[in-house]
């Protein structure tokens, strides 16, 4: 699903970046471009980041 329409960033892109170690919002913006143009996706990007981090920490 597209999260950032401005830069065509999907939830899979965000989860992959977090799993690869990009865990800050600034890092995600620099790497993927999300939340850097209009900012409307920032809340959802943050939620996906936090969810992915929580899932990864629960696994091991």
Protein backbone atom coordinates (compact mmCIF):
# COMPACT_ATOMS: atom_id res chain seq x y z
CA UNK A 1 0.00 0.00 0.00
CA UNK A 2 1.27 3.48 -0.81
CA UNK A 3 1.99 5.53 2.29
CA UNK A 4 3.72 8.52 0.69
CA UNK A 5 2.01 9.50 -2.54
CA UNK A 6 4.45 12.34 -3.22
CA UNK A 7 7.44 9.98 -3.44
CA UNK A 8 5.63 6.67 -4.19
CA UNK A 9 6.84 5.00 -0.98
CA UNK A 10 5.02 1.87 0.15
CA UNK A 11 4.61 0.26 3.55
CA UNK A 12 6.90 -2.53 2.33
CA UNK A 13 9.60 0.04 1.52
CA UNK A 14 9.35 1.52 5.01
CA UNK A 15 9.39 -1.85 6.77
CA UNK A 16 12.38 -2.96 4.69
CA UNK A 17 14.33 0.18 5.49
CA UNK A 18 13.63 -0.21 9.22
CA UNK A 19 14.65 -3.87 9.12
CA UNK A 20 17.88 -2.80 7.39
CA UNK A 21 18.65 -0.42 10.27
CA UNK A 22 17.16 2.92 9.26
CA UNK A 23 15.17 3.62 12.40
CA UNK A 24 14.95 7.41 12.69
CA UNK A 25 12.38 9.53 10.90
CA UNK A 26 15.19 11.66 9.49
CA UNK A 27 16.91 8.53 8.20
CA UNK A 28 13.73 7.30 6.55
CA UNK A 29 13.18 10.70 4.96
CA UNK A 30 16.77 10.79 3.67
CA UNK A 31 16.70 7.21 2.41
CA UNK A 32 13.18 7.00 0.97
CA UNK A 33 12.02 10.59 0.65
CA UNK A 34 8.87 10.00 2.68
CA UNK A 35 7.44 12.79 4.85
CA UNK A 36 9.80 15.30 3.27
CA UNK A 37 7.55 17.03 0.79
CA UNK A 38 4.02 17.68 2.07
CA UNK A 39 4.33 15.80 5.39
CA UNK A 40 0.87 14.22 5.33
CA UNK A 41 2.32 10.72 5.58
CA UNK A 42 4.52 11.41 8.61
CA UNK A 43 2.12 9.95 11.17
CA UNK A 44 1.65 6.72 9.23
CA UNK A 45 5.39 6.43 8.55
CA UNK A 46 6.05 6.80 12.29
CA UNK A 47 3.41 4.18 13.12
CA UNK A 48 4.88 1.70 10.62
CA UNK A 49 8.38 2.34 11.94
CA UNK A 50 7.29 1.77 15.54
CA UNK A 51 5.28 -1.32 14.63
CA UNK A 52 8.20 -2.83 12.73
CA UNK A 53 10.61 -2.09 15.58
CA UNK A 54 8.22 -3.68 18.10
CA UNK A 55 7.75 -6.76 15.92
CA UNK A 56 11.51 -7.16 15.50
CA UNK A 57 12.22 -6.76 19.22
CA UNK A 58 9.52 -9.32 20.09
CA UNK A 59 11.11 -11.87 17.75
CA UNK A 60 14.43 -11.88 19.41
